[in-house]
Amino acid sequence: MLFNSIHFLIFFPIVVFLYFLIPSKARYLWLLAASYYFYMCWNVTYVLLLLFSTGVTYLSGWAIEYAGNRPWDGRKIQTYKKIFVAGSFFLNLSLLFLFKYFDFAIENINRILARCNLALLSPSFDVILPVGISFYIFQALSYTMDVYRGEIHAEKNFLKYALFVSFFPQLVAGPIERSKNLLTQIQKEHPFDFERMRAGLFIMVWGYFQKLVLADRIAVIVDTVYNHPMDYRGCHFILASALFAIQIYCDFSGYSMIAIGAAEIMGFHLMDNFDCPYLAKTVEEFWRRWHISLTSWFRDYLYIPLGGNRRGKLRKYLNVMVVFLVSGLWHGAQWTFVIWGGLNGLFQVIGSATKGAREKIAGRLGLHTESIGHRCLKVVCTFILVDLTWVFFRANSVDDALYILRSMFTAPNPWIFFDGSLYELGLSQRQFGLLLFSIGILIAGDVLRYRGVKVTEVIFRQDLWCRWLIYIAAVMFILVFGVWGVGYDAQAFVYFQF
């Protein structure tokens, strides 16, 4: 069930209405049933995978806490706790490997065997990737680690824990919640609150604007160019790549905003997943603002356990590269994603290693590094670097990505911006103008947020007639200018494939 489908627009109001009618102590049961129905709308069979991951991590949490309360010596307790953690990670990551990486691994092993003139492996596991599997497995594993570290107590109520793993607003594409935040909220009562509902609805409207008006409209141009790269060159790729940076942001941020808003209506506060990432002045800062729930997950459960920055610069740089290579692989079983992750890690390593030298050069040249011009220049340079990595993220193959990058720098054709060629990429001149206008709204919204202006609070302070005029205008703008498929088919969110 997609957030931008008629099905969800019927499903969600019913869930909310009944949620506030049901006695508080039984509401989690209703949300659990709704969450499993939400997931079964994709594939009933794959609910078994969700249940398996839930069961394994629930039992591991219980076993870790049980071992910690035994009258054993400290070494024995730690040994058993580590065994239970390792078992939880092994079973969950094996499940993820089987469904997401098995064929990728066999394919690459066969390439090596072929070079060595050895017999190839024939097994395959050709199944559709279960939607959201990477997200809910990581969320479940974070619970195991939090119990192991003593940051939370193991949840005794299996059904409440199952709701934590399967909570439908963020089940299939995040934010990847922590047990310290979401699980503790499941224990609390959430009375109906009109102000909270209004705020949640407004957040959802912004998410729908990002998805329907911007991401799906940009996808027309990006898909046209990237799916047939040999038909285009130079500035076609520069334009499509710059637009893809906005598409992936609006698509994923749009999903996150809808999830956050939907949860807010029911009284649950999910973590922010994006914080004006394209206003970052370095690649490192970009990753503090982009997909925050995943970045912080890797920081807490991979980067810090590897040693973080506590063991010298070289070890820090190695840890950064490991984290981003793994992050790339997490996004997909293709070398394009691994290269994308590696480049983001490499840019951070280079930026950190040269920071001192760059500051000295700026000082000798008398540059005012805190001036608006200098900061804007750093924002633009960061966007360009990040955008170059997006080429690998979006390209259908490594060869396509290399061809696109090479063409950007060796086949200039700037006349396409003046001779009308742009309107042959899937959008008419009117549609392209609407796209630019909508991008302007997006940039304005991010700049205001970056400067600490809370737009929702400003709107809610206005007179009743003014507020409703804004509400109606926003909804009508999305309904009229949103991109709808044939028969109003909903377009899937990009991150559903991960």
Protein backbone atom coordinates (compact mmCIF):
# COMPACT_ATOMS: atom_id res chain seq x y z
CA MET A 1 0.00 0.00 0.00
CA LEU A 2 1.55 3.28 -1.11
CA PHE A 3 1.09 6.54 0.79
CA ASN A 4 0.09 8.22 -2.47
CA SER A 5 -2.61 5.68 -3.33
CA ILE A 6 -6.39 5.87 -3.00
CA HIS A 7 -6.14 2.74 -0.86
CA PHE A 8 -4.09 4.56 1.78
CA LEU A 9 -6.31 7.64 1.71
CA ILE A 10 -9.18 5.35 2.73
CA PHE A 11 -7.15 3.15 5.07
CA PHE A 12 -5.51 5.88 7.15
CA PRO A 13 -8.61 7.87 8.24
CA ILE A 14 -10.32 4.60 9.26
CA VAL A 15 -7.27 3.57 11.32
CA VAL A 16 -7.11 6.95 13.05
CA PHE A 17 -10.86 7.15 13.70
CA LEU A 18 -11.02 3.71 15.30
CA TYR A 19 -7.71 4.27 17.12
CA PHE A 20 -9.20 7.10 19.17
CA LEU A 21 -12.47 5.22 19.75
CA ILE A 22 -10.79 2.12 21.18
CA PRO A 23 -9.87 2.09 24.90
CA SER A 24 -6.29 3.28 25.43
CA LYS A 25 -5.02 -0.06 26.75
CA ALA A 26 -6.10 -1.89 23.59
CA ARG A 27 -4.98 0.65 21.00
CA TYR A 28 -1.62 -0.99 20.39
CA LEU A 29 -3.46 -4.15 19.30
CA TRP A 30 -5.43 -2.18 16.73
CA LEU A 31 -2.26 -0.51 15.42
CA LEU A 32 -0.52 -3.88 15.24
CA ALA A 33 -3.38 -5.35 13.19
CA ALA A 34 -3.42 -2.27 10.93
CA SER A 35 0.37 -2.43 10.48
CA TYR A 36 0.33 -6.07 9.44
CA TYR A 37 -2.56 -5.46 7.06
CA PHE A 38 -0.59 -2.51 5.62
CA TYR A 39 2.39 -4.77 4.97
CA MET A 40 0.33 -7.69 3.65
CA CYS A 41 -1.06 -5.43 0.92
CA TRP A 42 2.28 -5.98 -0.85
CA ASN A 43 2.76 -9.68 -0.29
CA VAL A 44 1.02 -11.81 2.32
CA THR A 45 3.80 -14.42 2.37
CA TYR A 46 6.51 -11.92 3.28
CA VAL A 47 4.77 -11.23 6.58
CA LEU A 48 6.49 -14.43 7.71
CA LEU A 49 9.87 -12.72 7.24
CA LEU A 50 8.72 -9.78 9.33
CA LEU A 51 7.52 -12.18 12.03
CA PHE A 52 10.79 -14.12 11.92
CA SER A 53 12.91 -11.01 12.43
CA THR A 54 10.56 -9.82 15.16
CA GLY A 55 10.65 -13.17 16.95
CA VAL A 56 14.44 -13.55 16.78
CA THR A 57 15.18 -10.08 18.14
CA TYR A 58 12.46 -10.34 20.80
CA LEU A 59 13.92 -13.61 22.10
CA SER A 60 17.46 -12.28 21.89
CA GLY A 61 16.52 -9.24 23.97
CA TRP A 62 14.84 -11.43 26.57
CA ALA A 63 17.83 -13.83 26.66
CA ILE A 64 20.36 -10.98 26.99
CA GLU A 65 18.52 -9.51 29.94
CA TYR A 66 18.01 -12.96 31.49
CA ALA A 67 21.74 -13.67 31.27
CA GLY A 68 22.52 -10.28 32.79
CA ASN A 69 20.41 -11.10 35.84
CA ARG A 70 22.00 -14.49 36.53
CA PRO A 71 24.28 -14.91 39.59
CA TRP A 72 27.26 -15.69 37.36
CA ASP A 73 30.67 -14.06 37.24
CA GLY A 74 31.02 -11.03 34.95
CA ARG A 75 33.00 -12.84 32.26
CA LYS A 76 30.41 -15.59 31.90
CA ILE A 77 27.58 -13.07 31.72
CA GLN A 78 29.34 -11.10 28.98
CA THR A 79 30.10 -14.29 27.04
CA TYR A 80 26.45 -15.35 26.99
CA LYS A 81 25.23 -11.85 26.16
CA LYS A 82 27.64 -11.66 23.22
CA ILE A 83 26.48 -15.08 22.00
CA PHE A 84 22.86 -13.92 21.99
CA VAL A 85 23.74 -10.69 20.20
CA ALA A 86 25.80 -12.57 17.63
CA GLY A 87 22.96 -15.05 17.10
CA SER A 88 20.46 -12.26 16.54
CA PHE A 89 22.71 -10.49 14.06
CA PHE A 90 23.63 -13.71 12.26
CA LEU A 91 20.04 -14.84 11.73
CA ASN A 92 18.75 -11.44 10.69
CA LEU A 93 21.64 -10.59 8.39
CA SER A 94 21.46 -14.10 6.89
CA LEU A 95 17.84 -13.43 6.05
CA LEU A 96 18.80 -10.10 4.48
CA PHE A 97 21.66 -11.73 2.56
CA LEU A 98 19.45 -14.51 1.21
CA PHE A 99 16.79 -12.21 -0.21
CA LYS A 100 18.93 -9.23 -1.20
CA TYR A 101 22.51 -10.32 -1.84
CA PHE A 102 22.56 -14.03 -2.66
CA ASP A 103 22.34 -13.69 -6.44
CA PHE A 104 24.76 -10.74 -6.37
CA ALA A 105 27.29 -12.85 -4.47
CA ILE A 106 26.90 -15.84 -6.83
CA GLU A 107 27.24 -13.56 -9.86
CA ASN A 108 30.52 -12.11 -8.60
CA ILE A 109 31.89 -15.48 -7.49
CA ASN A 110 31.18 -16.79 -11.00
CA ARG A 111 33.08 -13.88 -12.53
CA ILE A 112 36.12 -14.83 -10.46
CA LEU A 113 35.74 -18.53 -11.28
CA ALA A 114 35.40 -17.74 -14.99
CA ARG A 115 38.68 -15.82 -14.95
CA CYS A 116 40.32 -18.82 -13.31
CA ASN A 117 38.74 -21.25 -15.83
CA LEU A 118 36.87 -23.04 -13.04
CA ALA A 119 33.36 -24.50 -13.04
CA LEU A 120 30.66 -21.92 -12.37
CA LEU A 121 28.12 -22.07 -9.58
CA SER A 122 24.55 -22.57 -10.74
CA PRO A 123 22.27 -21.95 -7.71
CA SER A 124 20.02 -18.89 -7.84
CA PHE A 125 17.39 -17.37 -5.61
CA ASP A 126 15.18 -15.44 -7.99
CA VAL A 127 12.55 -13.76 -5.80
CA ILE A 128 11.12 -10.27 -5.51
CA LEU A 129 12.92 -8.29 -2.82
CA PRO A 130 10.58 -8.03 0.19
CA VAL A 131 9.65 -4.37 0.55
CA GLY A 132 11.21 -2.66 3.56
CA ILE A 133 13.31 -5.64 4.64
CA SER A 134 16.49 -3.57 5.05
CA PHE A 135 14.65 -1.02 7.17
CA TYR A 136 12.81 -3.26 9.61
CA ILE A 137 15.79 -5.60 10.09
CA PHE A 138 18.03 -2.68 11.02
CA GLN A 139 15.38 -1.34 13.37
CA ALA A 140 15.01 -4.73 15.04
CA LEU A 141 18.78 -5.16 15.36
CA SER A 142 19.12 -1.78 17.03
CA TYR A 143 16.80 -3.10 19.76
CA THR A 144 19.09 -6.08 20.33
CA MET A 145 22.10 -3.78 20.72
CA ASP A 146 20.27 -1.35 22.98
CA VAL A 147 19.29 -4.17 25.34
CA TYR A 148 22.85 -5.52 25.26
CA ARG A 149 24.25 -2.09 26.15
CA GLY A 150 21.75 -1.72 28.98
CA GLU A 151 20.18 1.37 27.42
CA ILE A 152 16.67 -0.13 27.66
CA HIS A 153 15.05 -3.08 29.38
CA ALA A 154 13.88 -5.99 27.25
CA GLU A 155 10.22 -5.67 26.28
CA LYS A 156 8.19 -8.46 27.86
CA ASN A 157 5.01 -7.92 25.83
CA PHE A 158 5.65 -9.56 22.46
CA LEU A 159 2.75 -7.77 20.74
CA LYS A 160 3.98 -4.34 21.80
CA TYR A 161 7.44 -5.23 20.56
CA ALA A 162 5.95 -6.50 17.29
CA LEU A 163 4.27 -3.10 16.86
CA PHE A 164 7.63 -1.38 17.39
CA VAL A 165 9.11 -3.37 14.49
CA SER A 166 6.07 -3.08 12.20
CA PHE A 167 4.61 0.39 12.96
CA PHE A 168 3.06 1.09 9.58
CA PRO A 169 3.93 4.78 8.97
CA GLN A 170 7.67 4.05 8.96
CA LEU A 171 7.72 0.30 8.29
CA VAL A 172 8.90 0.13 4.69
CA ALA A 173 11.17 3.17 4.27
CA GLY A 174 11.91 4.62 7.67
CA PRO A 175 12.82 6.66 9.55
CA ILE A 176 14.67 3.75 11.18
CA GLU A 177 13.48 4.27 14.73
CA ARG A 178 15.25 3.40 17.96
CA SER A 179 13.64 1.45 20.76
CA LYS A 180 14.49 4.26 23.19
CA ASN A 181 12.17 6.52 21.21
CA LEU A 182 9.37 4.52 19.58
CA LEU A 183 9.07 1.52 21.90
CA THR A 184 8.78 3.75 24.95
CA GLN A 185 6.02 5.74 23.23
CA ILE A 186 4.02 2.56 22.63
CA GLN A 187 3.81 2.16 26.40
CA LYS A 188 2.13 5.56 26.81
CA GLU A 189 -1.44 6.74 26.26
CA HIS A 190 -2.08 9.19 23.42
CA PRO A 191 -5.32 11.15 23.83
CA PHE A 192 -6.79 12.95 20.85
CA ASP A 193 -5.27 16.38 20.36
CA PHE A 194 -6.60 18.73 17.67
CA GLU A 195 -3.45 20.87 17.50
CA ARG A 196 -1.30 17.77 17.08
CA MET A 197 -3.60 16.43 14.37
CA ARG A 198 -3.49 19.74 12.51
CA ALA A 199 0.31 19.83 12.67
CA GLY A 200 0.54 16.21 11.48
CA LEU A 201 -1.77 16.85 8.53
CA PHE A 202 0.27 19.88 7.48
CA ILE A 203 3.48 17.83 7.61
CA MET A 204 1.81 15.18 5.43
CA VAL A 205 0.72 17.83 2.91
CA TRP A 206 4.34 19.00 2.58
CA GLY A 207 5.41 15.41 2.04
CA TYR A 208 2.80 14.92 -0.68
CA PHE A 209 3.97 18.14 -2.35
CA GLN A 210 7.53 16.85 -2.43
CA LYS A 211 6.49 13.46 -3.82
CA LEU A 212 3.65 14.22 -6.24
CA VAL A 213 4.49 17.68 -7.52
CA LEU A 214 8.28 17.49 -7.56
CA ALA A 215 9.74 13.96 -7.37
CA ASP A 216 7.32 12.30 -9.79
CA ARG A 217 7.52 15.22 -12.24
CA ILE A 218 11.32 15.25 -12.19
CA ALA A 219 11.33 11.46 -12.68
CA VAL A 220 9.95 11.96 -16.21
CA ILE A 221 13.11 13.77 -17.34
CA VAL A 222 15.55 11.70 -15.29
CA ASP A 223 14.14 8.37 -16.51
CA THR A 224 14.12 9.57 -20.11
CA VAL A 225 17.82 10.45 -20.02
CA TYR A 226 19.22 7.79 -17.68
CA ASN A 227 17.32 4.86 -19.19
CA HIS A 228 18.66 5.67 -22.69
CA PRO A 229 22.05 7.25 -22.05
CA MET A 230 23.41 6.61 -25.54
CA ASP A 231 20.78 8.94 -26.98
CA TYR A 232 22.02 11.93 -24.99
CA ARG A 233 25.22 13.72 -24.06
CA GLY A 234 26.85 16.55 -22.16
CA CYS A 235 24.37 19.03 -20.74
CA HIS A 236 21.53 16.50 -20.94
CA PHE A 237 23.34 14.53 -18.26
CA ILE A 238 24.25 17.62 -16.23
CA LEU A 239 20.59 18.65 -16.15
CA ALA A 240 19.26 15.15 -15.46
CA SER A 241 21.81 14.55 -12.71
CA ALA A 242 21.09 17.87 -10.99
CA LEU A 243 17.38 17.11 -11.18
CA PHE A 244 17.91 13.58 -9.86
CA ALA A 245 19.57 15.06 -6.77
CA ILE A 246 16.32 16.94 -6.15
CA GLN A 247 14.17 13.94 -7.11
CA ILE A 248 15.82 11.53 -4.66
CA TYR A 249 15.61 14.16 -1.93
CA CYS A 250 11.94 14.97 -2.53
CA ASP A 251 10.99 11.32 -2.98
CA PHE A 252 12.63 10.08 0.22
CA SER A 253 12.03 13.20 2.31
CA GLY A 254 8.44 13.19 1.06
CA TYR A 255 7.94 9.65 2.34
CA SER A 256 9.56 10.54 5.66
CA MET A 257 7.39 13.63 6.09
CA ILE A 258 4.20 11.66 5.38
CA ALA A 259 5.32 9.01 7.87
CA ILE A 260 6.20 11.61 10.52
CA GLY A 261 2.92 13.45 9.98
CA ALA A 262 0.80 10.28 10.09
CA ALA A 263 2.49 9.18 13.31
CA GLU A 264 2.10 12.67 14.80
CA ILE A 265 -1.66 12.55 14.28
CA MET A 266 -1.81 9.42 16.45
CA GLY A 267 0.49 10.89 19.10
CA PHE A 268 3.82 9.33 18.10
CA HIS A 269 6.90 11.46 17.49
CA LEU A 270 9.28 10.01 14.90
CA MET A 271 12.79 11.34 14.43
CA ASP A 272 13.54 13.84 11.65
CA ASN A 273 15.17 12.12 8.71
CA PHE A 274 16.32 15.16 6.70
CA ASP A 275 17.57 18.59 7.71
CA CYS A 276 18.14 20.77 4.64
CA PRO A 277 20.94 18.50 3.30
CA TYR A 278 21.66 20.52 0.16
CA LEU A 279 22.52 23.56 2.27
CA ALA A 280 25.45 21.66 3.78
CA LYS A 281 28.89 23.22 3.30
CA THR A 282 30.85 19.94 3.32
CA VAL A 283 30.13 16.35 2.35
CA GLU A 284 30.55 15.38 6.01
CA GLU A 285 27.89 17.90 7.00
CA PHE A 286 25.67 16.67 4.17
CA TRP A 287 25.68 13.22 5.75
CA ARG A 288 24.71 14.66 9.11
CA ARG A 289 21.64 16.09 7.39
CA TRP A 290 20.77 13.31 4.91
CA HIS A 291 18.90 10.13 5.91
CA ILE A 292 19.71 10.93 9.52
CA SER A 293 18.18 7.74 10.92
CA LEU A 294 20.44 5.50 8.80
CA THR A 295 23.54 7.66 9.22
CA SER A 296 23.14 7.67 13.00
CA TRP A 297 22.47 3.91 12.93
CA PHE A 298 25.79 3.26 11.21
CA ARG A 299 27.52 5.71 13.55
CA ASP A 300 26.20 4.06 16.72
CA TYR A 301 26.32 0.41 15.69
CA LEU A 302 29.24 0.25 13.26
CA TYR A 303 31.49 3.33 13.26
CA ILE A 304 31.85 3.65 17.05
CA PRO A 305 32.29 -0.12 17.66
CA LEU A 306 35.04 -0.07 15.01
CA GLY A 307 36.83 2.54 17.09
CA GLY A 308 35.37 5.73 15.63
CA ASN A 309 37.94 8.52 15.78
CA ARG A 310 39.54 7.33 19.01
CA ARG A 311 42.47 5.44 17.46
CA GLY A 312 44.19 8.04 15.32
CA LYS A 313 43.48 9.63 11.98
CA LEU A 314 44.35 6.69 9.76
CA ARG A 315 42.05 4.38 11.70
CA LYS A 316 39.34 7.03 11.61
CA TYR A 317 39.63 7.32 7.82
CA LEU A 318 39.52 3.53 7.46
CA ASN A 319 36.39 3.38 9.64
CA VAL A 320 34.73 6.08 7.56
CA MET A 321 35.43 4.15 4.35
CA VAL A 322 34.13 0.89 5.84
CA VAL A 323 30.92 2.58 6.99
CA PHE A 324 30.21 4.17 3.62
CA LEU A 325 31.08 1.08 1.60
CA VAL A 326 28.67 -0.90 3.79
CA SER A 327 26.12 1.90 3.46
CA GLY A 328 26.40 1.67 -0.31
CA LEU A 329 25.90 -2.08 -0.22
CA TRP A 330 22.92 -1.61 2.12
CA HIS A 331 21.25 0.48 -0.57
CA GLY A 332 21.46 -2.22 -3.19
CA ALA A 333 23.17 -5.34 -4.46
CA GLN A 334 24.99 -3.60 -7.31
CA TRP A 335 28.48 -2.25 -7.72
CA THR A 336 27.02 1.15 -8.62
CA PHE A 337 25.82 1.53 -5.02
CA VAL A 338 29.12 0.35 -3.57
CA ILE A 339 31.01 2.91 -5.69
CA TRP A 340 28.50 5.59 -4.67
CA GLY A 341 29.11 4.83 -1.00
CA GLY A 342 32.87 4.64 -1.50
CA LEU A 343 32.98 8.04 -3.20
CA ASN A 344 31.02 9.66 -0.38
CA GLY A 345 33.44 8.16 2.12
CA LEU A 346 36.45 9.21 0.04
CA PHE A 347 35.25 12.80 -0.24
CA GLN A 348 34.92 12.95 3.54
CA VAL A 349 38.38 11.51 4.09
CA ILE A 350 39.93 13.98 1.64
CA GLY A 351 37.98 16.86 3.18
CA SER A 352 39.10 15.95 6.70
CA ALA A 353 42.73 15.35 5.68
CA THR A 354 43.01 18.68 3.83
CA LYS A 355 40.99 20.82 6.24
CA GLY A 356 44.02 22.33 7.93
CA ALA A 357 45.78 23.13 4.65
CA ARG A 358 42.64 24.71 3.20
CA GLU A 359 42.19 26.90 6.26
CA LYS A 360 45.81 28.10 6.03
CA ILE A 361 45.44 28.92 2.32
CA ALA A 362 42.21 30.81 3.01
CA GLY A 363 43.95 32.77 5.76
CA ARG A 364 46.91 33.71 3.57
CA LEU A 365 44.59 34.80 0.77
CA GLY A 366 42.61 36.91 3.20
CA LEU A 367 39.36 35.10 2.49
CA HIS A 368 36.47 35.72 4.85
CA THR A 369 35.30 32.14 5.33
CA GLU A 370 32.17 33.19 7.23
CA SER A 371 30.98 35.62 4.57
CA ILE A 372 27.77 34.83 2.73
CA GLY A 373 29.59 34.54 -0.59
CA HIS A 374 32.16 32.08 0.73
CA ARG A 375 29.50 29.95 2.44
CA CYS A 376 27.39 29.91 -0.71
CA LEU A 377 30.44 28.81 -2.71
CA LYS A 378 31.01 25.92 -0.29
CA VAL A 379 27.34 24.93 -0.56
CA VAL A 380 27.58 24.88 -4.35
CA CYS A 381 30.84 22.88 -4.34
CA THR A 382 29.36 20.36 -1.90
CA PHE A 383 26.26 19.98 -4.07
CA ILE A 384 28.44 19.32 -7.13
CA LEU A 385 30.48 16.65 -5.34
CA VAL A 386 27.38 14.94 -3.97
CA ASP A 387 25.68 15.18 -7.35
CA LEU A 388 28.60 13.45 -9.07
CA THR A 389 28.16 10.51 -6.69
CA TRP A 390 24.40 10.41 -7.46
CA VAL A 391 25.33 9.49 -11.04
CA PHE A 392 26.42 6.06 -9.83
CA PHE A 393 23.36 5.78 -7.58
CA ARG A 394 20.95 6.36 -10.48
CA ALA A 395 22.80 4.78 -13.43
CA ASN A 396 21.68 1.32 -14.51
CA SER A 397 25.26 0.03 -14.61
CA VAL A 398 28.83 1.08 -13.88
CA ASP A 399 29.49 1.40 -17.63
CA ASP A 400 26.51 3.75 -17.99
CA ALA A 401 27.73 5.85 -15.06
CA LEU A 402 31.23 6.17 -16.51
CA TYR A 403 29.84 7.08 -19.93
CA ILE A 404 27.60 9.74 -18.36
CA LEU A 405 30.45 11.29 -16.36
CA ARG A 406 32.77 11.26 -19.34
CA SER A 407 30.14 12.88 -21.53
CA MET A 408 29.51 15.62 -18.97
CA PHE A 409 33.09 16.83 -19.29
CA THR A 410 33.88 16.05 -22.94
CA ALA A 411 30.68 16.63 -24.93
CA PRO A 412 29.37 20.12 -24.16
CA ASN A 413 26.08 21.08 -25.79
CA PRO A 414 24.85 24.17 -23.88
CA TRP A 415 22.53 25.18 -26.72
CA ILE A 416 19.93 22.72 -25.46
CA PHE A 417 19.03 25.32 -22.83
CA PHE A 418 18.06 27.81 -25.54
CA ASP A 419 16.81 25.90 -28.60
CA GLY A 420 13.84 24.13 -26.99
CA SER A 421 15.52 20.71 -26.78
CA LEU A 422 14.70 20.52 -23.08
CA TYR A 423 11.03 20.16 -23.89
CA GLU A 424 11.71 16.92 -25.77
CA LEU A 425 12.67 15.12 -22.54
CA GLY A 426 9.11 14.41 -21.44
CA LEU A 427 7.90 17.73 -20.02
CA SER A 428 6.34 20.55 -22.01
CA GLN A 429 7.46 24.14 -21.62
CA ARG A 430 4.54 24.77 -19.27
CA GLN A 431 5.33 21.69 -17.20
CA PHE A 432 9.01 22.64 -17.04
CA GLY A 433 8.11 26.13 -15.84
CA LEU A 434 5.87 24.61 -13.16
CA LEU A 435 8.76 22.38 -12.12
CA LEU A 436 11.10 25.36 -11.69
CA PHE A 437 8.45 27.22 -9.68
CA SER A 438 7.97 24.21 -7.41
CA ILE A 439 11.73 23.86 -6.92
CA GLY A 440 11.71 27.50 -5.85
CA ILE A 441 9.11 26.69 -3.19
CA LEU A 442 11.24 23.76 -1.99
CA ILE A 443 14.37 25.90 -1.73
CA ALA A 444 12.48 28.65 0.10
CA GLY A 445 11.11 26.11 2.57
CA ASP A 446 14.55 24.65 3.24
CA VAL A 447 16.20 28.07 3.62
CA LEU A 448 13.54 29.14 6.14
CA ARG A 449 13.99 25.93 8.09
CA TYR A 450 17.77 26.28 7.97
CA ARG A 451 17.42 29.76 9.46
CA GLY A 452 15.23 28.44 12.26
CA VAL A 453 11.88 29.69 10.97
CA LYS A 454 9.07 27.22 11.73
CA VAL A 455 6.65 27.75 8.86
CA THR A 456 3.86 25.73 10.49
CA GLU A 457 3.93 27.93 13.60
CA VAL A 458 3.82 31.06 11.44
CA ILE A 459 0.79 29.73 9.55
CA PHE A 460 -1.02 28.56 12.68
CA ARG A 461 -0.71 32.06 14.17
CA GLN A 462 -2.73 33.58 11.34
CA ASP A 463 -6.43 34.36 11.39
CA LEU A 464 -8.87 31.52 10.73
CA TRP A 465 -9.76 32.67 7.20
CA CYS A 466 -6.08 33.04 6.29
CA ARG A 467 -5.16 29.61 7.65
CA TRP A 468 -7.96 27.90 5.74
CA LEU A 469 -7.06 29.77 2.57
CA ILE A 470 -3.51 28.38 2.87
CA TYR A 471 -4.80 24.86 3.62
CA ILE A 472 -7.16 24.83 0.65
CA ALA A 473 -4.58 26.38 -1.69
CA ALA A 474 -1.94 23.80 -0.69
CA VAL A 475 -4.26 20.83 -1.18
CA MET A 476 -5.64 22.15 -4.48
CA PHE A 477 -2.12 22.82 -5.76
CA ILE A 478 -1.17 19.19 -5.12
CA LEU A 479 -4.40 17.82 -6.63
CA VAL A 480 -4.16 19.98 -9.75
CA PHE A 481 -0.41 19.92 -10.37
CA GLY A 482 0.57 16.56 -8.89
CA VAL A 483 1.74 13.91 -11.33
CA TRP A 484 -0.75 11.06 -11.54
CA GLY A 485 -0.38 7.82 -13.45
CA VAL A 486 -2.88 6.36 -15.88
CA GLY A 487 -6.10 5.85 -13.95
CA TYR A 488 -4.49 7.69 -11.02
CA ASP A 489 -1.97 4.90 -10.46
CA ALA A 490 0.34 5.67 -7.55
CA GLN A 491 4.05 5.90 -8.33
CA ALA A 492 6.25 3.88 -5.97
CA PHE A 493 8.79 5.63 -3.76
CA VAL A 494 12.42 5.21 -4.83
CA TYR A 495 13.60 3.86 -1.47
CA PHE A 496 11.11 0.99 -1.57
CA GLN A 497 13.68 -0.93 -3.63
CA PHE A 498 16.13 -0.89 -0.72
